[in-house]
PDB file of N, CA and C in Angstrom:
ATOM      1  N   MET A   1       0.826  -1.178   0.000  1.00  0.00           N
ATOM      2  CA  MET A   1       0.000   0.000   0.000  1.00  0.00           C
ATOM      3  C   MET A   1       0.869   1.239   0.000  1.00  0.00           C
ATOM      4  N   ASP A   2       0.370   2.281  -0.623  1.00  0.00           N
ATOM      5  CA  ASP A   2       1.127   3.524  -0.716  1.00  0.00           C
ATOM      6  C   ASP A   2       1.189   4.261   0.609  1.00  0.00           C
ATOM      7  N   GLY A   3       0.227   4.110   1.394  1.00  0.00           N
ATOM      8  CA  GLY A   3       0.123   4.807   2.664  1.00  0.00           C
ATOM      9  C   GLY A   3      -1.344   4.825   3.030  1.00  0.00           C
ATOM     10  N   LEU A   4      -1.625   4.652   4.261  1.00  0.00           N
ATOM     11  CA  LEU A   4      -3.013   4.564   4.672  1.00  0.00           C
ATOM     12  C   LEU A   4      -3.497   5.934   5.120  1.00  0.00           C
ATOM     13  N   THR A   5      -4.376   6.484   4.333  1.00  0.00           N
ATOM     14  CA  THR A   5      -5.042   7.732   4.694  1.00  0.00           C
ATOM     15  C   THR A   5      -6.530   7.451   4.716  1.00  0.00           C
ATOM     16  N   VAL A   6      -7.281   8.444   5.095  1.00  0.00           N
ATOM     17  CA  VAL A   6      -8.726   8.267   5.166  1.00  0.00           C
ATOM     18  C   VAL A   6      -9.288   7.999   3.774  1.00  0.00           C
ATOM     19  N   SER A   7      -8.834   8.748   2.777  1.00  0.00           N
ATOM     20  CA  SER A   7      -9.377   8.574   1.429  1.00  0.00           C
ATOM     21  C   SER A   7      -8.932   7.248   0.811  1.00  0.00           C
ATOM     22  N   THR A   8      -7.676   6.842   1.038  1.00  0.00           N
ATOM     23  CA  THR A   8      -7.241   5.561   0.480  1.00  0.00           C
ATOM     24  C   THR A   8      -7.905   4.405   1.197  1.00  0.00           C
ATOM     25  N   ALA A   9      -8.105   4.538   2.495  1.00  0.00           N
ATOM     26  CA  ALA A   9      -8.796   3.483   3.241  1.00  0.00           C
ATOM     27  C   ALA A   9     -10.239   3.371   2.783  1.00  0.00           C
ATOM     28  N   ASP A  10     -10.859   4.509   2.528  1.00  0.00           N
ATOM     29  CA  ASP A  10     -12.249   4.511   2.069  1.00  0.00           C
ATOM     30  C   ASP A  10     -12.353   3.852   0.692  1.00  0.00           C
ATOM     31  N   SER A  11     -11.442   4.204  -0.216  1.00  0.00           N
ATOM     32  CA  SER A  11     -11.488   3.582  -1.553  1.00  0.00           C
ATOM     33  C   SER A  11     -11.151   2.095  -1.476  1.00  0.00           C
ATOM     34  N   PHE A  12     -10.263   1.721  -0.564  1.00  0.00           N
ATOM     35  CA  PHE A  12      -9.934   0.310  -0.394  1.00  0.00           C
ATOM     36  C   PHE A  12     -11.142  -0.476   0.108  1.00  0.00           C
ATOM     37  N   LEU A  13     -11.872   0.110   1.043  1.00  0.00           N
ATOM     38  CA  LEU A  13     -13.064  -0.554   1.568  1.00  0.00           C
ATOM     39  C   LEU A  13     -14.158  -0.677   0.503  1.00  0.00           C
ATOM     40  N   LYS A  14     -14.290   0.339  -0.344  1.00  0.00           N
ATOM     41  CA  LYS A  14     -15.337   0.318  -1.370  1.00  0.00           C
ATOM     42  C   LYS A  14     -15.003  -0.643  -2.506  1.00  0.00           C
ATOM     43  N   THR A  15     -13.746  -0.645  -2.947  1.00  0.00           N
ATOM     44  CA  THR A  15     -13.374  -1.430  -4.127  1.00  0.00           C
ATOM     45  C   THR A  15     -12.625  -2.710  -3.803  1.00  0.00           C
ATOM     46  N   GLY A  16     -11.992  -2.763  -2.650  1.00  0.00           N
ATOM     47  CA  GLY A  16     -11.190  -3.925  -2.306  1.00  0.00           C
ATOM     48  C   GLY A  16      -9.834  -3.903  -2.991  1.00  0.00           C
ATOM     49  N   ARG A  17      -9.464  -2.748  -3.527  1.00  0.00           N
ATOM     50  CA  ARG A  17      -8.177  -2.609  -4.215  1.00  0.00           C
ATOM     51  C   ARG A  17      -7.428  -1.410  -3.658  1.00  0.00           C
ATOM     52  N   THR A  18      -6.118  -1.492  -3.684  1.00  0.00           N
ATOM     53  CA  THR A  18      -5.305  -0.377  -3.203  1.00  0.00           C
ATOM     54  C   THR A  18      -5.256   0.712  -4.269  1.00  0.00           C
ATOM     55  N   SER A  19      -4.807   1.875  -3.864  1.00  0.00           N
ATOM     56  CA  SER A  19      -4.750   2.991  -4.805  1.00  0.00           C
ATOM     57  C   SER A  19      -3.728   2.736  -5.914  1.00  0.00           C
ATOM     58  N   SER A  20      -2.645   2.030  -5.619  1.00  0.00           N
ATOM     59  CA  SER A  20      -1.665   1.726  -6.664  1.00  0.00           C
ATOM     60  C   SER A  20      -2.247   0.752  -7.688  1.00  0.00           C
ATOM     61  N   GLU A  21      -3.063  -0.189  -7.238  1.00  0.00           N
ATOM     62  CA  GLU A  21      -3.732  -1.096  -8.176  1.00  0.00           C
ATOM     63  C   GLU A  21      -4.729  -0.338  -9.046  1.00  0.00           C
ATOM     64  N   LEU A  22      -5.463   0.585  -8.444  1.00  0.00           N
ATOM     65  CA  LEU A  22      -6.408   1.392  -9.213  1.00  0.00           C
ATOM     66  C   LEU A  22      -5.688   2.258 -10.239  1.00  0.00           C
ATOM     67  N   ARG A  23      -4.540   2.827  -9.836  1.00  0.00           N
ATOM     68  CA  ARG A  23      -3.753   3.655 -10.749  1.00  0.00           C
ATOM     69  C   ARG A  23      -3.225   2.842 -11.925  1.00  0.00           C
ATOM     70  N   SER A  24      -2.712   1.635 -11.652  1.00  0.00           N
ATOM     71  CA  SER A  24      -2.184   0.806 -12.736  1.00  0.00           C
ATOM     72  C   SER A  24      -3.295   0.368 -13.681  1.00  0.00           C
ATOM     73  N   ASP A  25      -4.495   0.100 -13.138  1.00  0.00           N
ATOM     74  CA  ASP A  25      -5.632  -0.231 -14.000  1.00  0.00           C
ATOM     75  C   ASP A  25      -6.018   0.945 -14.876  1.00  0.00           C
ATOM     76  N   LYS A  26      -5.973   2.151 -14.314  1.00  0.00           N
ATOM     77  CA  LYS A  26      -6.305   3.353 -15.070  1.00  0.00           C
ATOM     78  C   LYS A  26      -5.313   3.559 -16.206  1.00  0.00           C
ATOM     79  N   LEU A  27      -4.025   3.377 -15.927  1.00  0.00           N
ATOM     80  CA  LEU A  27      -2.998   3.522 -16.967  1.00  0.00           C
ATOM     81  C   LEU A  27      -3.174   2.482 -18.068  1.00  0.00           C
ATOM     82  N   GLN A  28      -3.511   1.272 -17.684  1.00  0.00           N
ATOM     83  CA  GLN A  28      -3.722   0.212 -18.665  1.00  0.00           C
ATOM     84  C   GLN A  28      -4.930   0.531 -19.538  1.00  0.00           C
ATOM     85  N   ASN A  29      -6.009   1.036 -18.939  1.00  0.00           N
ATOM     86  CA  ASN A  29      -7.197   1.401 -19.707  1.00  0.00           C
ATOM     87  C   ASN A  29      -6.912   2.540 -20.668  1.00  0.00           C
ATOM     88  N   GLU A  30      -6.102   3.508 -20.244  1.00  0.00           N
ATOM     89  CA  GLU A  30      -5.736   4.618 -21.124  1.00  0.00           C
ATOM     90  C   GLU A  30      -4.912   4.122 -22.309  1.00  0.00           C
ATOM     91  N   ALA A  31      -4.013   3.177 -22.067  1.00  0.00           N
ATOM     92  CA  ALA A  31      -3.201   2.627 -23.154  1.00  0.00           C
ATOM     93  C   ALA A  31      -4.072   1.876 -24.150  1.00  0.00           C
ATOM     94  N   GLU A  32      -5.045   1.122 -23.659  1.00  0.00           N
ATOM     95  CA  GLU A  32      -5.947   0.405 -24.548  1.00  0.00           C
ATOM     96  C   GLU A  32      -6.802   1.366 -25.347  1.00  0.00           C
ATOM     97  N   THR A  33      -7.228   2.459 -24.744  1.00  0.00           N
ATOM     98  CA  THR A  33      -8.039   3.454 -25.445  1.00  0.00           C
ATOM     99  C   THR A  33      -7.232   4.106 -26.559  1.00  0.00           C
ATOM    100  N   LYS A  34      -5.958   4.395 -26.297  1.00  0.00           N
ATOM    101  CA  LYS A  34      -5.113   4.999 -27.323  1.00  0.00           C
ATOM    102  C   LYS A  34      -4.957   4.066 -28.509  1.00  0.00           C
ATOM    103  N   GLU A  35      -4.791   2.778 -28.257  1.00  0.00           N
ATOM    104  CA  GLU A  35      -4.587   1.817 -29.326  1.00  0.00           C
ATOM    105  C   GLU A  35      -5.846   1.665 -30.177  1.00  0.00           C
ATOM    106  N   SER A  36      -7.004   1.697 -29.551  1.00  0.00           N
ATOM    107  CA  SER A  36      -8.240   1.481 -30.286  1.00  0.00           C
ATOM    108  C   SER A  36      -8.887   2.785 -30.726  1.00  0.00           C
ATOM    109  N   GLY A  37      -8.255   3.940 -30.507  1.00  0.00           N
ATOM    110  CA  GLY A  37      -8.816   5.239 -30.876  1.00  0.00           C
ATOM    111  C   GLY A  37      -8.878   5.412 -32.382  1.00  0.00           C
ATOM    112  N   LYS A  38      -9.842   6.214 -32.795  1.00  0.00           N
ATOM    113  CA  LYS A  38     -10.006   6.460 -34.223  1.00  0.00           C
ATOM    114  C   LYS A  38      -9.058   7.564 -34.667  1.00  0.00           C
ATOM    115  N   SER A  39      -8.686   7.514 -35.930  1.00  0.00           N
ATOM    116  CA  SER A  39      -7.820   8.548 -36.463  1.00  0.00           C
ATOM    117  C   SER A  39      -8.627   9.815 -36.719  1.00  0.00           C
ATOM    118  N   PHE A  40      -7.924  10.895 -36.979  1.00  0.00           N
ATOM    119  CA  PHE A  40      -8.588  12.170 -37.229  1.00  0.00           C
ATOM    120  C   PHE A  40      -9.444  12.095 -38.483  1.00  0.00           C
ATOM    121  N   SER A  41      -8.948  11.450 -39.518  1.00  0.00           N
ATOM    122  CA  SER A  41      -9.720  11.350 -40.760  1.00  0.00           C
ATOM    123  C   SER A  41     -10.989  10.524 -40.559  1.00  0.00           C
ATOM    124  N   ASP A  42     -10.907   9.470 -39.747  1.00  0.00           N
ATOM    125  CA  ASP A  42     -12.112   8.673 -39.462  1.00  0.00           C
ATOM    126  C   ASP A  42     -13.134   9.491 -38.679  1.00  0.00           C
ATOM    127  N   THR A  43     -12.658  10.268 -37.721  1.00  0.00           N
ATOM    128  CA  THR A  43     -13.550  11.109 -36.931  1.00  0.00           C
ATOM    129  C   THR A  43     -14.218  12.157 -37.811  1.00  0.00           C
ATOM    130  N   LEU A  44     -13.448  12.761 -38.698  1.00  0.00           N
ATOM    131  CA  LEU A  44     -13.990  13.767 -39.603  1.00  0.00           C
ATOM    132  C   LEU A  44     -14.991  13.145 -40.572  1.00  0.00           C
ATOM    133  N   LYS A  45     -14.663  11.962 -41.079  1.00  0.00           N
ATOM    134  CA  LYS A  45     -15.570  11.268 -41.994  1.00  0.00           C
ATOM    135  C   LYS A  45     -16.885  10.924 -41.301  1.00  0.00           C
ATOM    136  N   ASP A  46     -16.814  10.469 -40.065  1.00  0.00           N
ATOM    137  CA  ASP A  46     -18.028  10.158 -39.302  1.00  0.00           C
ATOM    138  C   ASP A  46     -18.878  11.406 -39.070  1.00  0.00           C
ATOM    139  N   ALA A  47     -18.214  12.529 -38.800  1.00  0.00           N
ATOM    140  CA  ALA A  47     -18.946  13.779 -38.581  1.00  0.00           C
ATOM    141  C   ALA A  47     -19.664  14.228 -39.845  1.00  0.00           C
ATOM    142  N   VAL A  48     -19.005  14.112 -40.987  1.00  0.00           N
ATOM    143  CA  VAL A  48     -19.629  14.481 -42.257  1.00  0.00           C
ATOM    144  C   VAL A  48     -20.816  13.563 -42.551  1.00  0.00           C
ATOM    145  N   GLN A  49     -20.663  12.283 -42.275  1.00  0.00           N
ATOM    146  CA  GLN A  49     -21.772  11.352 -42.491  1.00  0.00           C
ATOM    147  C   GLN A  49     -22.948  11.661 -41.574  1.00  0.00           C
ATOM    148  N   GLU A  50     -22.667  12.063 -40.342  1.00  0.00           N
ATOM    149  CA  GLU A  50     -23.736  12.421 -39.406  1.00  0.00           C
ATOM    150  C   GLU A  50     -24.490  13.655 -39.881  1.00  0.00           C
ATOM    151  N   VAL A  51     -23.754  14.658 -40.383  1.00  0.00           N
ATOM    152  CA  VAL A  51     -24.399  15.856 -40.918  1.00  0.00           C
ATOM    153  C   VAL A  51     -25.253  15.484 -42.123  1.00  0.00           C
ATOM    154  N   ASN A  52     -24.746  14.627 -42.975  1.00  0.00           N
ATOM    155  CA  ASN A  52     -25.499  14.183 -44.143  1.00  0.00           C
ATOM    156  C   ASN A  52     -26.781  13.463 -43.727  1.00  0.00           C
ATOM    157  N   THR A  53     -26.686  12.624 -42.716  1.00  0.00           N
ATOM    158  CA  THR A  53     -27.865  11.904 -42.222  1.00  0.00           C
ATOM    159  C   THR A  53     -28.909  12.871 -41.684  1.00  0.00           C
ATOM    160  N   LEU A  54     -28.470  13.868 -40.923  1.00  0.00           N
ATOM    161  CA  LEU A  54     -29.401  14.866 -40.395  1.00  0.00           C
ATOM    162  C   LEU A  54     -30.064  15.656 -41.521  1.00  0.00           C
ATOM    163  N   GLN A  55     -29.294  15.992 -42.563  1.00  0.00           N
ATOM    164  CA  GLN A  55     -29.848  16.724 -43.702  1.00  0.00           C
ATOM    165  C   GLN A  55     -30.894  15.887 -44.429  1.00  0.00           C
ATOM    166  N   LYS A  56     -30.589  14.607 -44.637  1.00  0.00           N
ATOM    167  CA  LYS A  56     -31.538  13.730 -45.328  1.00  0.00           C
ATOM    168  C   LYS A  56     -32.818  13.556 -44.522  1.00  0.00           C
ATOM    169  N   LYS A  57     -32.696  13.385 -43.199  1.00  0.00           N
ATOM    170  CA  LYS A  57     -33.870  13.239 -42.348  1.00  0.00           C
ATOM    171  C   LYS A  57     -34.721  14.497 -42.399  1.00  0.00           C
ATOM    172  N   SER A  58     -34.080  15.646 -42.350  1.00  0.00           N
ATOM    173  CA  SER A  58     -34.798  16.917 -42.414  1.00  0.00           C
ATOM    174  C   SER A  58     -35.532  17.058 -43.747  1.00  0.00           C
ATOM    175  N   ASP A  59     -34.854  16.738 -44.840  1.00  0.00           N
ATOM    176  CA  ASP A  59     -35.483  16.815 -46.165  1.00  0.00           C
ATOM    177  C   ASP A  59     -36.681  15.885 -46.269  1.00  0.00           C
ATOM    178  N   HIS A  60     -36.539  14.688 -45.728  1.00  0.00           N
ATOM    179  CA  HIS A  60     -37.634  13.708 -45.774  1.00  0.00           C
ATOM    180  C   HIS A  60     -38.846  14.209 -44.986  1.00  0.00           C
ATOM    181  N   LEU A  61     -38.596  14.759 -43.794  1.00  0.00           N
ATOM    182  CA  LEU A  61     -39.702  15.270 -42.983  1.00  0.00           C
ATOM    183  C   LEU A  61     -40.369  16.479 -43.630  1.00  0.00           C
ATOM    184  N   ILE A  62     -39.581  17.330 -44.284  1.00  0.00           N
ATOM    185  CA  ILE A  62     -40.152  18.487 -44.983  1.00  0.00           C
ATOM    186  C   ILE A  62     -41.022  18.027 -46.151  1.00  0.00           C
ATOM    187  N   GLN A  63     -40.563  17.013 -46.875  1.00  0.00           N
ATOM    188  CA  GLN A  63     -41.370  16.460 -47.965  1.00  0.00           C
ATOM    189  C   GLN A  63     -42.678  15.890 -47.439  1.00  0.00           C
ATOM    190  N   GLN A  64     -42.606  15.165 -46.333  1.00  0.00           N
ATOM    191  CA  GLN A  64     -43.828  14.597 -45.752  1.00  0.00           C
ATOM    192  C   GLN A  64     -44.785  15.698 -45.314  1.00  0.00           C
ATOM    193  N   LEU A  65     -44.254  16.773 -44.755  1.00  0.00           N
ATOM    194  CA  LEU A  65     -45.095  17.882 -44.330  1.00  0.00           C
ATOM    195  C   LEU A  65     -45.744  18.556 -45.539  1.00  0.00           C
ATOM    196  N   ALA A  66     -44.980  18.735 -46.609  1.00  0.00           N
ATOM    197  CA  ALA A  66     -45.501  19.390 -47.806  1.00  0.00           C
ATOM    198  C   ALA A  66     -46.586  18.555 -48.492  1.00  0.00           C
ATOM    199  N   THR A  67     -46.461  17.236 -48.426  1.00  0.00           N
ATOM    200  CA  THR A  67     -47.455  16.374 -49.075  1.00  0.00           C
ATOM    201  C   THR A  67     -48.624  16.037 -48.160  1.00  0.00           C
ATOM    202  N   GLY A  68     -48.568  16.456 -46.903  1.00  0.00           N
ATOM    203  CA  GLY A  68     -49.664  16.218 -45.980  1.00  0.00           C
ATOM    204  C   GLY A  68     -49.591  14.893 -45.250  1.00  0.00           C
ATOM    205  N   LYS A  69     -48.513  14.140 -45.419  1.00  0.00           N
ATOM    206  CA  LYS A  69     -48.361  12.853 -44.734  1.00  0.00           C
ATOM    207  C   LYS A  69     -47.984  13.031 -43.273  1.00  0.00           C
ATOM    208  N   ASN A  70     -47.438  14.194 -42.931  1.00  0.00           N
ATOM    209  CA  ASN A  70     -46.999  14.465 -41.560  1.00  0.00           C
ATOM    210  C   ASN A  70     -47.530  15.833 -41.159  1.00  0.00           C
ATOM    211  N   ASN A  71     -48.214  15.908 -40.041  1.00  0.00           N
ATOM    212  CA  ASN A  71     -48.747  17.176 -39.556  1.00  0.00           C
ATOM    213  C   ASN A  71     -48.017  17.674 -38.319  1.00  0.00           C
ATOM    214  N   ASN A  72     -46.919  17.028 -37.956  1.00  0.00           N
ATOM    215  CA  ASN A  72     -46.171  17.383 -36.754  1.00  0.00           C
ATOM    216  C   ASN A  72     -45.139  18.459 -37.096  1.00  0.00           C
ATOM    217  N   ILE A  73     -45.574  19.707 -37.073  1.00  0.00           N
ATOM    218  CA  ILE A  73     -44.709  20.824 -37.450  1.00  0.00           C
ATOM    219  C   ILE A  73     -43.525  20.987 -36.494  1.00  0.00           C
ATOM    220  N   PRO A  74     -43.704  20.868 -35.187  1.00  0.00           N
ATOM    221  CA  PRO A  74     -42.531  21.004 -34.297  1.00  0.00           C
ATOM    222  C   PRO A  74     -41.433  19.973 -34.578  1.00  0.00           C
ATOM    223  N   GLU A  75     -41.822  18.746 -34.882  1.00  0.00           N
ATOM    224  CA  GLU A  75     -40.823  17.716 -35.197  1.00  0.00           C
ATOM    225  C   GLU A  75     -40.028  18.098 -36.444  1.00  0.00           C
ATOM    226  N   VAL A  76     -40.729  18.612 -37.450  1.00  0.00           N
ATOM    227  CA  VAL A  76     -40.073  19.018 -38.696  1.00  0.00           C
ATOM    228  C   VAL A  76     -39.135  20.189 -38.439  1.00  0.00           C
ATOM    229  N   MET A  77     -39.579  21.161 -37.651  1.00  0.00           N
ATOM    230  CA  MET A  77     -38.747  22.332 -37.360  1.00  0.00           C
ATOM    231  C   MET A  77     -37.510  21.948 -36.543  1.00  0.00           C
ATOM    232  N   ILE A  78     -37.685  21.057 -35.585  1.00  0.00           N
ATOM    233  CA  ILE A  78     -36.543  20.631 -34.772  1.00  0.00           C
ATOM    234  C   ILE A  78     -35.522  19.890 -35.638  1.00  0.00           C
ATOM    235  N   ALA A  79     -35.993  18.995 -36.493  1.00  0.00           N
ATOM    236  CA  ALA A  79     -35.076  18.263 -37.379  1.00  0.00           C
ATOM    237  C   ALA A  79     -34.366  19.221 -38.321  1.00  0.00           C
ATOM    238  N   SER A  80     -35.100  20.216 -38.811  1.00  0.00           N
ATOM    239  CA  SER A  80     -34.509  21.203 -39.716  1.00  0.00           C
ATOM    240  C   SER A  80     -33.447  22.034 -39.004  1.00  0.00           C
ATOM    241  N   GLU A  81     -33.719  22.456 -37.788  1.00  0.00           N
ATOM    242  CA  GLU A  81     -32.751  23.245 -37.028  1.00  0.00           C
ATOM    243  C   GLU A  81     -31.521  22.424 -36.652  1.00  0.00           C
ATOM    244  N   LYS A  82     -31.727  21.161 -36.291  1.00  0.00           N
ATOM    245  CA  LYS A  82     -30.580  20.290 -35.981  1.00  0.00           C
ATOM    246  C   LYS A  82     -29.664  20.173 -37.191  1.00  0.00           C
ATOM    247  N   ALA A  83     -30.273  19.969 -38.360  1.00  0.00           N
ATOM    248  CA  ALA A  83     -29.486  19.835 -39.585  1.00  0.00           C
ATOM    249  C   ALA A  83     -28.761  21.148 -39.897  1.00  0.00           C
ATOM    250  N   ASP A  84     -29.437  22.264 -39.693  1.00  0.00           N
ATOM    251  CA  ASP A  84     -28.842  23.571 -39.971  1.00  0.00           C
ATOM    252  C   ASP A  84     -27.662  23.848 -39.042  1.00  0.00           C
ATOM    253  N   ILE A  85     -27.845  23.580 -37.761  1.00  0.00           N
ATOM    254  CA  ILE A  85     -26.770  23.818 -36.790  1.00  0.00           C
ATOM    255  C   ILE A  85     -25.581  22.898 -37.060  1.00  0.00           C
ATOM    256  N   ALA A  86     -25.853  21.639 -37.366  1.00  0.00           N
ATOM    257  CA  ALA A  86     -24.772  20.695 -37.662  1.00  0.00           C
ATOM    258  C   ALA A  86     -24.005  21.125 -38.909  1.00  0.00           C
ATOM    259  N   PHE A  87     -24.739  21.613 -39.918  1.00  0.00           N
ATOM    260  CA  PHE A  87     -24.081  22.053 -41.144  1.00  0.00           C
ATOM    261  C   PHE A  87     -23.224  23.290 -40.893  1.00  0.00           C
ATOM    262  N   LYS A  88     -23.745  24.239 -40.113  1.00  0.00           N
ATOM    263  CA  LYS A  88     -22.967  25.445 -39.795  1.00  0.00           C
ATOM    264  C   LYS A  88     -21.704  25.088 -39.022  1.00  0.00           C
ATOM    265  N   LEU A  89     -21.821  24.144 -38.095  1.00  0.00           N
ATOM    266  CA  LEU A  89     -20.647  23.699 -37.344  1.00  0.00           C
ATOM    267  C   LEU A  89     -19.623  23.057 -38.279  1.00  0.00           C
ATOM    268  N   MET A  90     -20.097  22.231 -39.205  1.00  0.00           N
ATOM    269  CA  MET A  90     -19.185  21.580 -40.146  1.00  0.00           C
ATOM    270  C   MET A  90     -18.482  22.607 -41.026  1.00  0.00           C
ATOM    271  N   VAL A  91     -19.177  23.648 -41.437  1.00  0.00           N
ATOM    272  CA  VAL A  91     -18.564  24.708 -42.242  1.00  0.00           C
ATOM    273  C   VAL A  91     -17.482  25.424 -41.430  1.00  0.00           C
ATOM    274  N   GLN A  92     -17.753  25.687 -40.167  1.00  0.00           N
ATOM    275  CA  GLN A  92     -16.756  26.347 -39.327  1.00  0.00           C
ATOM    276  C   GLN A  92     -15.526  25.463 -39.100  1.00  0.00           C
ATOM    277  N   VAL A  93     -15.740  24.182 -38.934  1.00  0.00           N
ATOM    278  CA  VAL A  93     -14.614  23.249 -38.794  1.00  0.00           C
ATOM    279  C   VAL A  93     -13.786  23.249 -40.072  1.00  0.00           C
ATOM    280  N   ARG A  94     -14.473  23.224 -41.222  1.00  0.00           N
ATOM    281  CA  ARG A  94     -13.762  23.279 -42.502  1.00  0.00           C
ATOM    282  C   ARG A  94     -12.940  24.553 -42.608  1.00  0.00           C
ATOM    283  N   ASN A  95     -13.530  25.691 -42.225  1.00  0.00           N
ATOM    284  CA  ASN A  95     -12.817  26.965 -42.295  1.00  0.00           C
ATOM    285  C   ASN A  95     -11.578  26.964 -41.403  1.00  0.00           C
ATOM    286  N   LYS A  96     -11.704  26.394 -40.213  1.00  0.00           N
ATOM    287  CA  LYS A  96     -10.550  26.333 -39.306  1.00  0.00           C
ATOM    288  C   LYS A  96      -9.458  25.416 -39.866  1.00  0.00           C
ATOM    289  N   LEU A  97      -9.865  24.323 -40.495  1.00  0.00           N
ATOM    290  CA  LEU A  97      -8.881  23.423 -41.105  1.00  0.00           C
ATOM    291  C   LEU A  97      -8.144  24.113 -42.243  1.00  0.00           C
ATOM    292  N   ILE A  98      -8.870  24.866 -43.049  1.00  0.00           N
ATOM    293  CA  ILE A  98      -8.236  25.586 -44.156  1.00  0.00           C
ATOM    294  C   ILE A  98      -7.282  26.642 -43.624  1.00  0.00           C
ATOM    295  N   GLU A  99      -7.698  27.360 -42.580  1.00  0.00           N
ATOM    296  CA  GLU A  99      -6.813  28.355 -41.966  1.00  0.00           C
ATOM    297  C   GLU A  99      -5.547  27.707 -41.425  1.00  0.00           C
ATOM    298  N   ALA A 100      -5.687  26.570 -40.761  1.00  0.00           N
ATOM    299  CA  ALA A 100      -4.522  25.876 -40.215  1.00  0.00           C
ATOM    300  C   ALA A 100      -3.598  25.415 -41.338  1.00  0.00           C
ATOM    301  N   TYR A 101      -4.167  24.917 -42.415  1.00  0.00           N
ATOM    302  CA  TYR A 101      -3.360  24.485 -43.561  1.00  0.00           C
ATOM    303  C   TYR A 101      -2.601  25.663 -44.145  1.00  0.00           C
ATOM    304  N   GLN A 102      -3.289  26.799 -44.289  1.00  0.00           N
ATOM    305  CA  GLN A 102      -2.628  27.980 -44.848  1.00  0.00           C
ATOM    306  C   GLN A 102      -1.501  28.469 -43.949  1.00  0.00           C
ATOM    307  N   GLU A 103      -1.702  28.397 -42.641  1.00  0.00           N
ATOM    308  CA  GLU A 103      -0.645  28.797 -41.708  1.00  0.00           C
ATOM    309  C   GLU A 103       0.561  27.869 -41.822  1.00  0.00           C
ATOM    310  N   ILE A 104       0.303  26.587 -41.965  1.00  0.00           N
ATOM    311  CA  ILE A 104       1.395  25.622 -42.108  1.00  0.00           C
ATOM    312  C   ILE A 104       2.148  25.883 -43.415  1.00  0.00           C
ATOM    313  N   MET A 105       1.435  26.209 -44.462  1.00  0.00           N
ATOM    314  CA  MET A 105       2.089  26.460 -45.750  1.00  0.00           C
ATOM    315  C   MET A 105       2.931  27.738 -45.710  1.00  0.00           C
ATOM    316  N   LYS A 106       2.598  28.677 -44.833  1.00  0.00           N
ATOM    317  CA  LYS A 106       3.381  29.909 -44.718  1.00  0.00           C
ATOM    318  C   LYS A 106       4.678  29.690 -43.968  1.00  0.00           C
ATOM    319  N   MET A 107       4.761  28.630 -43.190  1.00  0.00           N
ATOM    320  CA  MET A 107       5.955  28.390 -42.385  1.00  0.00           C
ATOM    321  C   MET A 107       7.156  28.079 -43.276  1.00  0.00           C
ATOM    322  N   GLN A 108       8.289  28.597 -42.881  1.00  0.00           N
ATOM    323  CA  GLN A 108       9.523  28.315 -43.599  1.00  0.00           C
ATOM    324  C   GLN A 108      10.208  27.132 -42.955  1.00  0.00           C
ATOM    325  N   VAL A 109      10.688  26.244 -43.808  1.00  0.00           N
ATOM    326  CA  VAL A 109      11.339  25.046 -43.295  1.00  0.00           C
ATOM    327  C   VAL A 109      12.831  25.162 -43.397  1.00  0.00           C
TER     328      VAL A 109
END
């Protein structure tokens, strides 16, 4: 044991493990998370697909509302706003990526 204090004794009583064992488990979990983490391009691709899905859902609900198949106006408006906000966020992310690329290209090597 690292040392018996009130907090370590309390955690030992609750979990049945010492603080050093808990720390080593935490480090091991962090290492596993790093290994199984997605790359930046995968994360960006997933975000674009999510925005596309929201846009398609919004378009479908608007079509249903226009044809009279759906009378739930709040649902249509919420889906439309979600798609709009997601698209605006994606545009801002794109703008920041372009700015970062331009800054990197200005650097002298």
